[in-house]
Amino acid sequence: MNLIKIDDLNRPSLEIYAQLRDNAFTEDNSFIADSPKVVNLLLEISIEIRSILATKAYYEEFEDLIASKNIPYLYVAEKKVMESIVGHRVHHNVMMHGVRPEQTPLKELGDHIIMLDEISSTENIGSIARSAAALGVDSYLLPRQGPHPYGRRALRVSMGYVSMLKTHLYDDIFLTLKALKKDGYKIFAAEVAPNATPLAEVKISKKWVLLMGHEGKGLSKEVLAICDEAVQIEMIPGIKSFNVGVAASILMYQFKNGGLK
């Protein structure tokens, strides 16, 4: 490995590590990932990596994995120097500058899709991605204006597993739902409502979309009207809802494994 020892903190190619906080991106779709687990998972897939910023210990431990990739710049620095570059305390020993993969066209998503509407929490974006990957729901449909699944925190919460999903960002939820229905998907809305089907009784179609609403407001009446069926998790009296990440995990598990056919 040709490690580059940092002798100039103002080196232009290092600026991106300080600039790209959480959900920030550049015009060329660059993103920053951090922590060994996330970076190593990304190293194992086909994704463009422009540089790594890490301690000598990281490079020594994962030398074979890093050598298997053609990475232009491998910067090595002590953790204190890394902190000086990024401008805050670092709790790990590696960061990576990568480029987001092209999103999957809507018509090329899988038969099982987890879809979000106005989710505002980056952590929930990452948590749902991690559960989807674990449960075999391989397609992730999100609003373009919300937190991005390759945002720094979303990537970390997902443990990098968002990279295993087919991801598509939509602009108009109504046009998108209509296109999905035309393509044979049944749209299930996760919503606590009088007419909602209890999860244990839901009948799953071959192609389905599970739509999750905003953490506080849920889904609007207009969105619910275009969905095929509302579904809710059975809860004891007095409890109104789960965290959206927890609810999505429970629903996806049942849809993949226990739904009535």
C-alpha atoms as a PDB file:
ATOM      1  CA  MET A   1       0.000   0.000   0.000  1.00  0.00           C
ATOM      2  CA  ASN A   2       1.180   3.483  -0.840  1.00  0.00           C
ATOM      3  CA  LEU A   3       0.187   5.373   2.307  1.00  0.00           C
ATOM      4  CA  ILE A   4       0.269   9.163   2.183  1.00  0.00           C
ATOM      5  CA  LYS A   5       1.322  10.719   5.475  1.00  0.00           C
ATOM      6  CA  ILE A   6      -0.480  13.980   6.045  1.00  0.00           C
ATOM      7  CA  ASP A   7       1.916  16.900   6.312  1.00  0.00           C
ATOM      8  CA  ASP A   8      -0.523  19.637   5.308  1.00  0.00           C
ATOM      9  CA  LEU A   9      -3.933  19.850   7.010  1.00  0.00           C
ATOM     10  CA  ASN A  10      -5.092  22.271   4.311  1.00  0.00           C
ATOM     11  CA  ARG A  11      -4.557  19.834   1.481  1.00  0.00           C
ATOM     12  CA  PRO A  12      -7.536  20.415  -0.914  1.00  0.00           C
ATOM     13  CA  SER A  13      -8.394  16.723  -1.239  1.00  0.00           C
ATOM     14  CA  LEU A  14      -8.920  16.523   2.533  1.00  0.00           C
ATOM     15  CA  GLU A  15     -11.410  19.396   2.720  1.00  0.00           C
ATOM     16  CA  ILE A  16     -14.311  17.121   1.850  1.00  0.00           C
ATOM     17  CA  TYR A  17     -13.922  15.264   5.168  1.00  0.00           C
ATOM     18  CA  ALA A  18     -14.825  18.464   7.000  1.00  0.00           C
ATOM     19  CA  GLN A  19     -17.404  19.723   4.514  1.00  0.00           C
ATOM     20  CA  LEU A  20     -19.690  16.715   4.213  1.00  0.00           C
ATOM     21  CA  ARG A  21     -21.569  16.586   7.485  1.00  0.00           C
ATOM     22  CA  ASP A  22     -24.523  14.216   7.815  1.00  0.00           C
ATOM     23  CA  ASN A  23     -26.820  14.755   4.799  1.00  0.00           C
ATOM     24  CA  ALA A  24     -24.512  16.972   2.719  1.00  0.00           C
ATOM     25  CA  PHE A  25     -23.325  15.965  -0.746  1.00  0.00           C
ATOM     26  CA  THR A  26     -21.405  17.483  -3.636  1.00  0.00           C
ATOM     27  CA  GLU A  27     -22.567  17.816  -7.238  1.00  0.00           C
ATOM     28  CA  ASP A  28     -20.679  14.650  -8.157  1.00  0.00           C
ATOM     29  CA  ASN A  29     -22.590  12.661  -5.486  1.00  0.00           C
ATOM     30  CA  SER A  30     -19.644  12.325  -3.125  1.00  0.00           C
ATOM     31  CA  PHE A  31     -20.358  11.131   0.406  1.00  0.00           C
ATOM     32  CA  ILE A  32     -18.375  10.417   3.567  1.00  0.00           C
ATOM     33  CA  ALA A  33     -18.612   7.143   5.482  1.00  0.00           C
ATOM     34  CA  ASP A  34     -16.996   6.447   8.838  1.00  0.00           C
ATOM     35  CA  SER A  35     -16.284   3.576  11.243  1.00  0.00           C
ATOM     36  CA  PRO A  36     -14.494   0.324  10.303  1.00  0.00           C
ATOM     37  CA  LYS A  37     -17.662  -1.766   9.956  1.00  0.00           C
ATOM     38  CA  VAL A  38     -19.291   0.642   7.502  1.00  0.00           C
ATOM     39  CA  VAL A  39     -16.144   1.355   5.496  1.00  0.00           C
ATOM     40  CA  ASN A  40     -15.181  -2.315   5.271  1.00  0.00           C
ATOM     41  CA  LEU A  41     -18.625  -3.313   4.028  1.00  0.00           C
ATOM     42  CA  LEU A  42     -18.430  -0.627   1.331  1.00  0.00           C
ATOM     43  CA  LEU A  43     -14.974  -1.860   0.390  1.00  0.00           C
ATOM     44  CA  GLU A  44     -16.473  -5.275  -0.369  1.00  0.00           C
ATOM     45  CA  ILE A  45     -18.959  -4.037  -2.980  1.00  0.00           C
ATOM     46  CA  SER A  46     -18.665  -2.331  -6.340  1.00  0.00           C
ATOM     47  CA  ILE A  47     -18.623   1.334  -5.397  1.00  0.00           C
ATOM     48  CA  GLU A  48     -16.268   4.137  -6.403  1.00  0.00           C
ATOM     49  CA  ILE A  49     -13.899   5.061  -3.563  1.00  0.00           C
ATOM     50  CA  ARG A  50     -11.774   8.163  -3.951  1.00  0.00           C
ATOM     51  CA  SER A  51      -9.814   8.163  -0.717  1.00  0.00           C
ATOM     52  CA  ILE A  52      -9.490   6.758   2.784  1.00  0.00           C
ATOM     53  CA  LEU A  53      -8.385   8.707   5.846  1.00  0.00           C
ATOM     54  CA  ALA A  54      -7.309   6.378   8.639  1.00  0.00           C
ATOM     55  CA  THR A  55      -4.800   5.535  11.316  1.00  0.00           C
ATOM     56  CA  LYS A  56      -1.840   3.228  10.682  1.00  0.00           C
ATOM     57  CA  ALA A  57      -3.489   0.594  12.877  1.00  0.00           C
ATOM     58  CA  TYR A  58      -6.510   0.447  10.577  1.00  0.00           C
ATOM     59  CA  TYR A  59      -4.370  -0.029   7.467  1.00  0.00           C
ATOM     60  CA  GLU A  60      -2.356  -2.765   9.153  1.00  0.00           C
ATOM     61  CA  GLU A  61      -5.432  -4.687  10.292  1.00  0.00           C
ATOM     62  CA  PHE A  62      -7.240  -4.569   6.950  1.00  0.00           C
ATOM     63  CA  GLU A  63      -4.312  -4.475   4.542  1.00  0.00           C
ATOM     64  CA  ASP A  64      -5.570  -7.305   2.306  1.00  0.00           C
ATOM     65  CA  LEU A  65      -9.056  -5.831   1.950  1.00  0.00           C
ATOM     66  CA  ILE A  66      -7.728  -2.381   1.064  1.00  0.00           C
ATOM     67  CA  ALA A  67      -5.178  -3.788  -1.383  1.00  0.00           C
ATOM     68  CA  SER A  68      -7.983  -5.507  -3.293  1.00  0.00           C
ATOM     69  CA  LYS A  69      -9.393  -2.113  -4.322  1.00  0.00           C
ATOM     70  CA  ASN A  70      -7.871   0.499  -6.598  1.00  0.00           C
ATOM     71  CA  ILE A  71      -8.096   3.520  -4.283  1.00  0.00           C
ATOM     72  CA  PRO A  72      -6.239   6.631  -5.508  1.00  0.00           C
ATOM     73  CA  TYR A  73      -5.421   8.154  -2.110  1.00  0.00           C
ATOM     74  CA  LEU A  74      -4.754   6.372   1.178  1.00  0.00           C
ATOM     75  CA  TYR A  75      -4.119   9.021   3.828  1.00  0.00           C
ATOM     76  CA  VAL A  76      -2.614   7.974   7.142  1.00  0.00           C
ATOM     77  CA  ALA A  77      -2.749  10.089  10.283  1.00  0.00           C
ATOM     78  CA  GLU A  78      -3.009   9.856  14.045  1.00  0.00           C
ATOM     79  CA  LYS A  79      -6.494  10.226  15.461  1.00  0.00           C
ATOM     80  CA  LYS A  80      -5.729  13.731  16.781  1.00  0.00           C
ATOM     81  CA  VAL A  81      -4.759  14.817  13.271  1.00  0.00           C
ATOM     82  CA  MET A  82      -7.958  13.289  11.880  1.00  0.00           C
ATOM     83  CA  GLU A  83      -9.922  15.305  14.422  1.00  0.00           C
ATOM     84  CA  SER A  84      -8.130  18.487  13.339  1.00  0.00           C
ATOM     85  CA  ILE A  85      -9.106  17.789   9.731  1.00  0.00           C
ATOM     86  CA  VAL A  86     -12.797  17.033  10.325  1.00  0.00           C
ATOM     87  CA  GLY A  87     -13.248  19.644  13.036  1.00  0.00           C
ATOM     88  CA  HIS A  88     -14.762  17.464  15.745  1.00  0.00           C
ATOM     89  CA  ARG A  89     -14.000  14.503  17.962  1.00  0.00           C
ATOM     90  CA  VAL A  90     -13.586  11.181  16.160  1.00  0.00           C
ATOM     91  CA  HIS A  91     -14.712   7.959  17.868  1.00  0.00           C
ATOM     92  CA  HIS A  92     -13.272   5.609  15.254  1.00  0.00           C
ATOM     93  CA  ASN A  93     -10.109   5.211  13.218  1.00  0.00           C
ATOM     94  CA  VAL A  94     -11.221   5.412   9.589  1.00  0.00           C
ATOM     95  CA  MET A  95     -13.216   7.588   7.196  1.00  0.00           C
ATOM     96  CA  MET A  96     -13.878   7.111   3.505  1.00  0.00           C
ATOM     97  CA  HIS A  97     -14.694   9.414   0.587  1.00  0.00           C
ATOM     98  CA  GLY A  98     -16.927   7.581  -1.863  1.00  0.00           C
ATOM     99  CA  VAL A  99     -19.400   8.289  -4.652  1.00  0.00           C
ATOM    100  CA  ARG A 100     -23.040   7.291  -4.333  1.00  0.00           C
ATOM    101  CA  PRO A 101     -24.060   4.583  -6.811  1.00  0.00           C
ATOM    102  CA  GLU A 102     -26.647   5.451  -9.450  1.00  0.00           C
ATOM    103  CA  GLN A 103     -30.184   5.007  -8.162  1.00  0.00           C
ATOM    104  CA  THR A 104     -32.244   2.118  -9.489  1.00  0.00           C
ATOM    105  CA  PRO A 105     -35.006   3.048 -11.965  1.00  0.00           C
ATOM    106  CA  LEU A 106     -38.510   2.618 -10.532  1.00  0.00           C
ATOM    107  CA  LYS A 107     -39.345  -0.196 -12.969  1.00  0.00           C
ATOM    108  CA  GLU A 108     -36.254  -2.150 -11.919  1.00  0.00           C
ATOM    109  CA  LEU A 109     -37.037  -2.351  -8.203  1.00  0.00           C
ATOM    110  CA  GLY A 110     -37.790  -5.738  -6.669  1.00  0.00           C
ATOM    111  CA  ASP A 111     -41.184  -7.299  -5.926  1.00  0.00           C
ATOM    112  CA  HIS A 112     -41.020  -6.167  -2.289  1.00  0.00           C
ATOM    113  CA  ILE A 113     -40.524  -2.472  -1.568  1.00  0.00           C
ATOM    114  CA  ILE A 114     -40.309  -0.474   1.656  1.00  0.00           C
ATOM    115  CA  MET A 115     -41.401   3.093   0.869  1.00  0.00           C
ATOM    116  CA  LEU A 116     -41.173   6.206   3.047  1.00  0.00           C
ATOM    117  CA  ASP A 117     -43.251   9.373   3.011  1.00  0.00           C
ATOM    118  CA  GLU A 118     -41.832  12.467   4.739  1.00  0.00           C
ATOM    119  CA  ILE A 119     -39.646  10.611   7.242  1.00  0.00           C
ATOM    120  CA  SER A 120     -37.601  13.372   8.863  1.00  0.00           C
ATOM    121  CA  SER A 121     -35.134  11.438  11.037  1.00  0.00           C
ATOM    122  CA  THR A 122     -31.815  10.427   9.496  1.00  0.00           C
ATOM    123  CA  GLU A 123     -31.492   7.726  12.152  1.00  0.00           C
ATOM    124  CA  ASN A 124     -34.819   6.209  11.095  1.00  0.00           C
ATOM    125  CA  ILE A 125     -33.709   6.215   7.458  1.00  0.00           C
ATOM    126  CA  GLY A 126     -30.646   4.184   8.450  1.00  0.00           C
ATOM    127  CA  SER A 127     -32.466   1.914  10.874  1.00  0.00           C
ATOM    128  CA  ILE A 128     -35.133   0.962   8.328  1.00  0.00           C
ATOM    129  CA  ALA A 129     -32.446   0.301   5.694  1.00  0.00           C
ATOM    130  CA  ARG A 130     -30.626  -2.053   8.058  1.00  0.00           C
ATOM    131  CA  SER A 131     -33.802  -3.978   8.863  1.00  0.00           C
ATOM    132  CA  ALA A 132     -34.815  -4.173   5.198  1.00  0.00           C
ATOM    133  CA  ALA A 133     -31.448  -5.649   4.239  1.00  0.00           C
ATOM    134  CA  ALA A 134     -31.607  -8.161   7.095  1.00  0.00           C
ATOM    135  CA  LEU A 135     -35.141  -9.290   6.239  1.00  0.00           C
ATOM    136  CA  GLY A 136     -34.634  -9.524   2.486  1.00  0.00           C
ATOM    137  CA  VAL A 137     -36.690  -6.517   1.431  1.00  0.00           C
ATOM    138  CA  ASP A 138     -34.236  -5.421  -1.206  1.00  0.00           C
ATOM    139  CA  SER A 139     -35.831  -2.208  -2.533  1.00  0.00           C
ATOM    140  CA  TYR A 140     -35.946   1.174  -0.768  1.00  0.00           C
ATOM    141  CA  LEU A 141     -38.113   4.011  -2.080  1.00  0.00           C
ATOM    142  CA  LEU A 142     -37.659   7.441  -0.492  1.00  0.00           C
ATOM    143  CA  PRO A 143     -38.676  11.075  -1.153  1.00  0.00           C
ATOM    144  CA  ARG A 144     -35.975  13.092  -2.864  1.00  0.00           C
ATOM    145  CA  GLN A 145     -36.444  15.991  -0.441  1.00  0.00           C
ATOM    146  CA  GLY A 146     -35.900  13.949   2.735  1.00  0.00           C
ATOM    147  CA  PRO A 147     -32.741  12.631   4.392  1.00  0.00           C
ATOM    148  CA  HIS A 148     -30.639  10.583   1.971  1.00  0.00           C
ATOM    149  CA  PRO A 149     -29.791   6.940   2.805  1.00  0.00           C
ATOM    150  CA  TYR A 150     -26.139   7.691   1.983  1.00  0.00           C
ATOM    151  CA  GLY A 151     -26.068  10.579   4.436  1.00  0.00           C
ATOM    152  CA  ARG A 152     -23.253  10.185   6.944  1.00  0.00           C
ATOM    153  CA  ARG A 153     -25.426   9.331   9.939  1.00  0.00           C
ATOM    154  CA  ALA A 154     -27.894   7.200   7.972  1.00  0.00           C
ATOM    155  CA  LEU A 155     -24.997   5.154   6.608  1.00  0.00           C
ATOM    156  CA  ARG A 156     -23.577   4.668  10.092  1.00  0.00           C
ATOM    157  CA  VAL A 157     -26.933   3.636  11.606  1.00  0.00           C
ATOM    158  CA  SER A 158     -27.557   1.236   8.725  1.00  0.00           C
ATOM    159  CA  MET A 159     -24.074  -0.222   9.357  1.00  0.00           C
ATOM    160  CA  GLY A 160     -23.515   0.305   5.632  1.00  0.00           C
ATOM    161  CA  TYR A 161     -26.203  -2.225   4.680  1.00  0.00           C
ATOM    162  CA  VAL A 162     -28.100   0.403   2.692  1.00  0.00           C
ATOM    163  CA  SER A 163     -25.525  -0.376   0.008  1.00  0.00           C
ATOM    164  CA  MET A 164     -27.176  -3.796  -0.391  1.00  0.00           C
ATOM    165  CA  LEU A 165     -30.530  -2.257  -1.352  1.00  0.00           C
ATOM    166  CA  LYS A 166     -31.928  -1.056  -4.654  1.00  0.00           C
ATOM    167  CA  THR A 167     -32.627   2.585  -3.886  1.00  0.00           C
ATOM    168  CA  HIS A 168     -34.844   5.029  -5.754  1.00  0.00           C
ATOM    169  CA  LEU A 169     -35.691   8.632  -4.874  1.00  0.00           C
ATOM    170  CA  TYR A 170     -39.088   9.909  -6.005  1.00  0.00           C
ATOM    171  CA  ASP A 171     -40.359  13.465  -6.538  1.00  0.00           C
ATOM    172  CA  ASP A 172     -44.162  13.092  -6.440  1.00  0.00           C
ATOM    173  CA  ILE A 173     -45.688  10.464  -4.169  1.00  0.00           C
ATOM    174  CA  PHE A 174     -49.022  10.372  -5.990  1.00  0.00           C
ATOM    175  CA  LEU A 175     -47.507   9.861  -9.440  1.00  0.00           C
ATOM    176  CA  THR A 176     -45.129   7.276  -7.994  1.00  0.00           C
ATOM    177  CA  LEU A 177     -47.877   5.284  -6.281  1.00  0.00           C
ATOM    178  CA  LYS A 178     -49.977   5.332  -9.453  1.00  0.00           C
ATOM    179  CA  ALA A 179     -47.013   4.063 -11.484  1.00  0.00           C
ATOM    180  CA  LEU A 180     -46.400   1.268  -8.985  1.00  0.00           C
ATOM    181  CA  LYS A 181     -50.044   0.200  -9.005  1.00  0.00           C
ATOM    182  CA  LYS A 182     -50.032   0.180 -12.805  1.00  0.00           C
ATOM    183  CA  ASP A 183     -46.979  -2.090 -12.629  1.00  0.00           C
ATOM    184  CA  GLY A 184     -48.858  -4.625 -10.501  1.00  0.00           C
ATOM    185  CA  TYR A 185     -47.871  -3.684  -6.951  1.00  0.00           C
ATOM    186  CA  LYS A 186     -50.392  -3.684  -4.122  1.00  0.00           C
ATOM    187  CA  ILE A 187     -49.864  -0.646  -1.888  1.00  0.00           C
ATOM    188  CA  PHE A 188     -50.142  -1.281   1.851  1.00  0.00           C
ATOM    189  CA  ALA A 189     -50.261   1.820   4.060  1.00  0.00           C
ATOM    190  CA  ALA A 190     -48.948   1.405   7.602  1.00  0.00           C
ATOM    191  CA  GLU A 191     -51.475   3.443   9.569  1.00  0.00           C
ATOM    192  CA  VAL A 192     -53.504   3.150  12.761  1.00  0.00           C
ATOM    193  CA  ALA A 193     -57.019   3.637  11.417  1.00  0.00           C
ATOM    194  CA  PRO A 194     -60.541   2.280  12.044  1.00  0.00           C
ATOM    195  CA  ASN A 195     -60.563   0.400   8.747  1.00  0.00           C
ATOM    196  CA  ALA A 196     -56.979  -0.902   8.985  1.00  0.00           C
ATOM    197  CA  THR A 197     -56.390  -4.662   8.683  1.00  0.00           C
ATOM    198  CA  PRO A 198     -54.672  -6.216  11.728  1.00  0.00           C
ATOM    199  CA  LEU A 199     -51.183  -7.326  10.727  1.00  0.00           C
ATOM    200  CA  ALA A 200     -51.839 -10.965  11.644  1.00  0.00           C
ATOM    201  CA  GLU A 201     -54.746 -11.060   9.178  1.00  0.00           C
ATOM    202  CA  VAL A 202     -53.232  -9.270   6.216  1.00  0.00           C
ATOM    203  CA  LYS A 203     -53.117 -11.151   2.901  1.00  0.00           C
ATOM    204  CA  ILE A 204     -49.871 -10.472   1.063  1.00  0.00           C
ATOM    205  CA  SER A 205     -49.745 -10.178  -2.722  1.00  0.00           C
ATOM    206  CA  LYS A 206     -46.805 -11.295  -4.870  1.00  0.00           C
ATOM    207  CA  LYS A 207     -45.732  -7.698  -5.504  1.00  0.00           C
ATOM    208  CA  TRP A 208     -46.176  -5.256  -2.655  1.00  0.00           C
ATOM    209  CA  VAL A 209     -45.172  -1.848  -1.386  1.00  0.00           C
ATOM    210  CA  LEU A 210     -45.195  -1.128   2.338  1.00  0.00           C
ATOM    211  CA  LEU A 211     -45.608   2.628   2.840  1.00  0.00           C
ATOM    212  CA  MET A 212     -44.517   4.230   6.127  1.00  0.00           C
ATOM    213  CA  GLY A 213     -45.640   7.751   7.061  1.00  0.00           C
ATOM    214  CA  HIS A 214     -44.163  10.665   8.982  1.00  0.00           C
ATOM    215  CA  GLU A 215     -43.008   9.908  12.529  1.00  0.00           C
ATOM    216  CA  GLY A 216     -45.604  12.215  14.075  1.00  0.00           C
ATOM    217  CA  LYS A 217     -48.287  12.938  11.477  1.00  0.00           C
ATOM    218  CA  GLY A 218     -48.466   9.555   9.798  1.00  0.00           C
ATOM    219  CA  LEU A 219     -49.922   9.429   6.285  1.00  0.00           C
ATOM    220  CA  SER A 220     -52.260  12.100   4.934  1.00  0.00           C
ATOM    221  CA  LYS A 221     -55.864  11.308   3.960  1.00  0.00           C
ATOM    222  CA  GLU A 222     -54.961  12.023   0.350  1.00  0.00           C
ATOM    223  CA  VAL A 223     -52.136   9.478   0.366  1.00  0.00           C
ATOM    224  CA  LEU A 224     -54.240   6.891   2.202  1.00  0.00           C
ATOM    225  CA  ALA A 225     -56.967   7.281  -0.413  1.00  0.00           C
ATOM    226  CA  ILE A 226     -54.669   6.113  -3.201  1.00  0.00           C
ATOM    227  CA  CYS A 227     -53.356   3.103  -1.254  1.00  0.00           C
ATOM    228  CA  ASP A 228     -55.007  -0.305  -1.643  1.00  0.00           C
ATOM    229  CA  GLU A 229     -55.161  -1.258   2.032  1.00  0.00           C
ATOM    230  CA  ALA A 230     -54.235   0.111   5.444  1.00  0.00           C
ATOM    231  CA  VAL A 231     -52.519  -2.248   7.874  1.00  0.00           C
ATOM    232  CA  GLN A 232     -51.764  -1.816  11.559  1.00  0.00           C
ATOM    233  CA  ILE A 233     -49.840  -3.692  14.226  1.00  0.00           C
ATOM    234  CA  GLU A 234     -52.058  -4.998  17.001  1.00  0.00           C
ATOM    235  CA  MET A 235     -51.316  -3.173  20.276  1.00  0.00           C
ATOM    236  CA  ILE A 236     -52.768  -3.260  23.759  1.00  0.00           C
ATOM    237  CA  PRO A 237     -55.266  -0.504  24.679  1.00  0.00           C
ATOM    238  CA  GLY A 238     -53.673   2.825  25.546  1.00  0.00           C
ATOM    239  CA  ILE A 239     -50.661   2.404  23.250  1.00  0.00           C
ATOM    240  CA  LYS A 240     -51.064   4.328  20.008  1.00  0.00           C
ATOM    241  CA  SER A 241     -47.939   3.604  18.003  1.00  0.00           C
ATOM    242  CA  PHE A 242     -44.403   2.266  17.697  1.00  0.00           C
ATOM    243  CA  ASN A 243     -41.318   4.150  16.645  1.00  0.00           C
ATOM    244  CA  VAL A 244     -41.432   4.133  12.829  1.00  0.00           C
ATOM    245  CA  GLY A 245     -38.189   2.150  12.591  1.00  0.00           C
ATOM    246  CA  VAL A 246     -39.508  -0.521  14.972  1.00  0.00           C
ATOM    247  CA  ALA A 247     -42.891  -0.607  13.211  1.00  0.00           C
ATOM    248  CA  ALA A 248     -41.252  -0.994   9.810  1.00  0.00           C
ATOM    249  CA  SER A 249     -39.188  -3.933  11.081  1.00  0.00           C
ATOM    250  CA  ILE A 250     -42.212  -5.745  12.523  1.00  0.00           C
ATOM    251  CA  LEU A 251     -44.261  -5.158   9.388  1.00  0.00           C
ATOM    252  CA  MET A 252     -41.503  -6.227   6.992  1.00  0.00           C
ATOM    253  CA  TYR A 253     -40.897  -9.419   8.955  1.00  0.00           C
ATOM    254  CA  GLN A 254     -44.579 -10.375   8.809  1.00  0.00           C
ATOM    255  CA  PHE A 255     -44.869  -9.424   5.149  1.00  0.00           C
ATOM    256  CA  LYS A 256     -41.854 -11.588   4.263  1.00  0.00           C
ATOM    257  CA  ASN A 257     -42.598 -14.531   6.527  1.00  0.00           C
ATOM    258  CA  GLY A 258     -46.077 -14.679   7.985  1.00  0.00           C
ATOM    259  CA  GLY A 259     -48.598 -12.968   5.772  1.00  0.00           C
ATOM    260  CA  LEU A 260     -51.635 -14.953   4.619  1.00  0.00           C
ATOM    261  CA  LYS A 261     -51.415 -15.694   0.906  1.00  0.00           C
END
